[in-house]
Amino acid sequence: MPIIQSGEFLIDDETGEVVNAAFQTPFQIETMDHVEWLHEKLFNLNAEEAMLKAKRARYIENIDKMMYETQSKRDWLERRYFMDAEAVVRENCPKNAKSVKTPFGRAGFQKIGGNLKIAGGAEDAAVEWCKLNAPDAVKTVESVLVSKLDVNKEKMELTVKKGEKTLHIPLDQRIFFVEEETDKFYIK
């Protein structure tokens, strides 16, 4: 496990994980000055991370432009020459063969299509048709939106309004439970 120093930290070169600080930590966090010291370190690391994310976004943006340009060049060549190339390959393809070799790969013919498709905008009609004629081909996904349940957490009961009436239904505690509320420490 080769260890390298990156700024104030020692890092495992293979995993990128910090294994220790390269500086001496002269104290435990015991006073507000120490908390402020920690907060400053975290603040600076957050700023560095934001800068790296912005850099990465620019790199990706530039690479995307380069990829678009490359794809555009390839598309132009295909539009310009594919019909001629297809005729030449068809003429020079050995009998009972579907392709010819070039130093850069193969050029040839393959069967495509023939698969069943749903016409654009006909998805709902296809689902209804399959419900009647091929129910195994219909995928149904159901889930519970817990945020839509009006629950009294102390009494473990669901409150349901039915017209003028309000019902209080005990929750099945084999299915539902209330997660223990805790405080999560943070420094932002």
Protein backbone atom coordinates (compact mmCIF):
# COMPACT_ATOMS: atom_id res chain seq x y z
CA MET A 1 0.00 0.00 0.00
CA PRO A 2 2.07 2.97 -1.23
CA ILE A 3 1.33 6.11 0.77
CA ILE A 4 1.69 9.55 -0.78
CA GLN A 5 1.37 13.01 0.71
CA SER A 6 -1.28 15.31 -0.76
CA GLY A 7 -1.31 18.68 0.92
CA GLU A 8 -1.90 18.13 4.61
CA PHE A 9 -2.92 14.47 4.30
CA LEU A 10 -1.37 11.04 3.74
CA ILE A 11 -3.28 9.09 1.10
CA ASP A 12 -3.28 5.46 -0.04
CA ASP A 13 -2.14 5.83 -3.67
CA GLU A 14 -4.18 2.81 -4.82
CA THR A 15 -7.55 3.64 -3.24
CA GLY A 16 -7.33 7.42 -2.78
CA GLU A 17 -8.42 7.00 0.84
CA VAL A 18 -6.93 9.30 3.50
CA VAL A 19 -5.05 7.20 6.05
CA ASN A 20 -3.72 9.98 8.29
CA ALA A 21 -2.90 13.65 8.59
CA ALA A 22 0.56 14.76 7.46
CA PHE A 23 0.50 17.46 10.15
CA GLN A 24 0.53 16.97 13.88
CA THR A 25 -2.86 17.41 15.46
CA PRO A 26 -1.76 19.04 18.71
CA PHE A 27 -5.05 18.73 20.53
CA GLN A 28 -8.40 17.11 20.96
CA ILE A 29 -11.50 19.16 20.18
CA GLU A 30 -12.09 20.69 23.62
CA THR A 31 -12.83 24.38 23.08
CA MET A 32 -14.72 26.59 20.63
CA ASP A 33 -11.33 27.61 19.17
CA HIS A 34 -10.77 23.95 18.32
CA VAL A 35 -14.25 23.69 16.76
CA GLU A 36 -13.42 26.82 14.75
CA TRP A 37 -10.13 25.23 13.62
CA LEU A 38 -12.04 22.12 12.46
CA HIS A 39 -14.72 24.23 10.81
CA GLU A 40 -12.05 26.18 8.87
CA LYS A 41 -10.46 22.91 7.64
CA LEU A 42 -13.86 21.61 6.48
CA PHE A 43 -14.74 24.99 4.92
CA ASN A 44 -11.53 24.99 2.88
CA LEU A 45 -12.04 21.36 1.77
CA ASN A 46 -15.64 22.14 0.73
CA ALA A 47 -14.37 25.11 -1.32
CA GLU A 48 -11.70 22.89 -2.94
CA GLU A 49 -14.32 20.24 -3.76
CA ALA A 50 -16.61 22.90 -5.32
CA MET A 51 -13.70 24.18 -7.44
CA LEU A 52 -12.89 20.63 -8.62
CA LYS A 53 -16.55 20.00 -9.50
CA ALA A 54 -16.62 23.22 -11.54
CA LYS A 55 -13.39 22.19 -13.31
CA ARG A 56 -14.79 18.74 -14.03
CA ALA A 57 -17.95 20.31 -15.48
CA ARG A 58 -15.86 22.46 -17.83
CA TYR A 59 -13.73 19.48 -18.89
CA ILE A 60 -16.87 17.45 -19.58
CA GLU A 61 -18.38 20.36 -21.50
CA ASN A 62 -15.25 20.64 -23.67
CA ILE A 63 -15.06 16.88 -24.24
CA ASP A 64 -18.78 16.85 -25.16
CA LYS A 65 -18.09 19.52 -27.79
CA MET A 66 -15.17 17.49 -29.17
CA MET A 67 -17.34 14.34 -29.25
CA TYR A 68 -20.13 16.21 -31.08
CA GLU A 69 -17.64 17.45 -33.66
CA THR A 70 -16.28 13.92 -34.14
CA GLN A 71 -19.79 12.45 -34.45
CA SER A 72 -20.71 15.16 -36.94
CA LYS A 73 -17.69 14.29 -39.09
CA ARG A 74 -18.57 10.58 -38.97
CA ASP A 75 -22.23 11.32 -39.81
CA TRP A 76 -21.18 13.41 -42.80
CA LEU A 77 -18.91 10.67 -44.14
CA GLU A 78 -21.69 8.09 -43.72
CA ARG A 79 -24.27 10.30 -45.47
CA ARG A 80 -21.84 11.11 -48.28
CA TYR A 81 -20.35 7.66 -48.97
CA PHE A 82 -22.45 4.83 -47.47
CA MET A 83 -24.64 4.27 -50.52
CA ASP A 84 -21.60 4.00 -52.83
CA ALA A 85 -19.74 1.79 -50.34
CA GLU A 86 -22.76 -0.50 -49.98
CA ALA A 87 -22.87 -1.05 -53.76
CA VAL A 88 -19.11 -1.77 -53.94
CA VAL A 89 -19.21 -4.21 -51.00
CA ARG A 90 -22.29 -5.97 -52.40
CA GLU A 91 -20.45 -6.38 -55.73
CA ASN A 92 -17.20 -7.61 -54.12
CA CYS A 93 -18.64 -9.80 -51.39
CA PRO A 94 -17.70 -13.48 -51.98
CA LYS A 95 -20.58 -15.86 -52.63
CA ASN A 96 -22.29 -17.12 -49.47
CA ALA A 97 -20.52 -14.43 -47.43
CA LYS A 98 -22.15 -11.43 -45.78
CA SER A 99 -19.05 -9.27 -45.34
CA VAL A 100 -15.58 -8.38 -46.58
CA LYS A 101 -12.46 -7.63 -44.54
CA THR A 102 -10.52 -4.39 -44.65
CA PRO A 103 -7.44 -3.48 -42.57
CA PHE A 104 -9.80 -1.53 -40.27
CA GLY A 105 -12.52 -4.12 -39.70
CA ARG A 106 -15.35 -5.63 -41.68
CA ALA A 107 -17.94 -4.17 -44.03
CA GLY A 108 -21.02 -6.16 -44.83
CA PHE A 109 -24.70 -6.82 -44.32
CA GLN A 110 -26.76 -8.05 -41.42
CA LYS A 111 -30.47 -8.60 -40.99
CA ILE A 112 -32.12 -6.13 -38.62
CA GLY A 113 -35.65 -5.43 -37.52
CA GLY A 114 -38.48 -7.88 -37.59
CA ASN A 115 -39.25 -7.21 -33.89
CA LEU A 116 -42.67 -6.27 -32.62
CA LYS A 117 -42.91 -2.60 -31.68
CA ILE A 118 -45.66 -0.41 -30.22
CA ALA A 119 -46.65 2.49 -32.45
CA GLY A 120 -45.84 5.96 -31.17
CA GLY A 121 -48.55 7.25 -28.84
CA ALA A 122 -50.27 3.85 -28.64
CA GLU A 123 -48.78 2.68 -25.31
CA ASP A 124 -52.06 3.04 -23.36
CA ALA A 125 -54.05 1.23 -26.05
CA ALA A 126 -51.41 -1.54 -26.12
CA VAL A 127 -51.68 -1.97 -22.32
CA GLU A 128 -55.49 -2.19 -22.51
CA TRP A 129 -55.32 -4.64 -25.43
CA CYS A 130 -52.82 -6.83 -23.55
CA LYS A 131 -54.91 -6.75 -20.35
CA LEU A 132 -57.70 -8.43 -22.33
CA ASN A 133 -55.64 -10.71 -24.59
CA ALA A 134 -52.24 -11.31 -22.94
CA PRO A 135 -52.37 -10.32 -19.25
CA ASP A 136 -48.93 -11.87 -18.55
CA ALA A 137 -47.39 -9.22 -20.82
CA VAL A 138 -48.65 -6.36 -18.61
CA LYS A 139 -46.30 -5.10 -15.91
CA THR A 140 -47.96 -3.55 -12.86
CA VAL A 141 -45.91 -1.76 -10.23
CA GLU A 142 -47.45 -0.76 -6.90
CA SER A 143 -45.80 0.93 -3.96
CA VAL A 144 -46.79 2.84 -0.82
CA LEU A 145 -46.24 6.59 -0.60
CA VAL A 146 -45.57 6.84 3.13
CA SER A 147 -45.58 10.65 2.89
CA LYS A 148 -49.29 10.48 1.97
CA LEU A 149 -50.22 8.63 5.19
CA ASP A 150 -51.61 10.87 7.96
CA VAL A 151 -50.20 9.06 11.01
CA ASN A 152 -50.31 9.80 14.70
CA LYS A 153 -46.86 8.43 15.59
CA GLU A 154 -47.46 8.29 19.36
CA LYS A 155 -50.70 6.29 19.04
CA MET A 156 -49.50 4.34 15.99
CA GLU A 157 -52.75 4.96 14.16
CA LEU A 158 -53.68 6.14 10.69
CA THR A 159 -56.14 9.02 10.36
CA VAL A 160 -58.49 8.65 7.40
CA LYS A 161 -61.21 11.13 6.43
CA LYS A 162 -64.27 9.56 4.83
CA GLY A 163 -66.70 12.31 3.99
CA GLU A 164 -67.69 13.98 7.28
CA LYS A 165 -66.22 11.17 9.40
CA THR A 166 -62.65 10.84 10.63
CA LEU A 167 -61.48 7.29 11.25
CA HIS A 168 -58.51 6.31 13.43
CA ILE A 169 -57.18 2.96 12.27
CA PRO A 170 -54.47 1.18 14.31
CA LEU A 171 -51.34 0.50 12.26
CA ASP A 172 -50.26 -3.10 11.93
CA GLN A 173 -46.95 -3.00 13.80
CA ARG A 174 -45.72 -6.07 11.96
CA ILE A 175 -45.72 -3.85 8.84
CA PHE A 176 -45.13 -0.30 10.07
CA PHE A 177 -42.80 1.17 12.68
CA VAL A 178 -41.69 4.66 13.61
CA GLU A 179 -38.00 5.23 13.14
CA GLU A 180 -36.34 6.59 16.27
CA GLU A 181 -35.74 10.32 15.97
CA THR A 182 -32.10 11.30 16.52
CA ASP A 183 -29.97 14.41 16.21
CA LYS A 184 -27.34 14.30 13.48
CA PHE A 185 -24.34 16.50 14.07
CA TYR A 186 -23.23 18.59 11.12
CA ILE A 187 -20.79 21.31 10.21
CA LYS A 188 -21.56 23.14 6.99
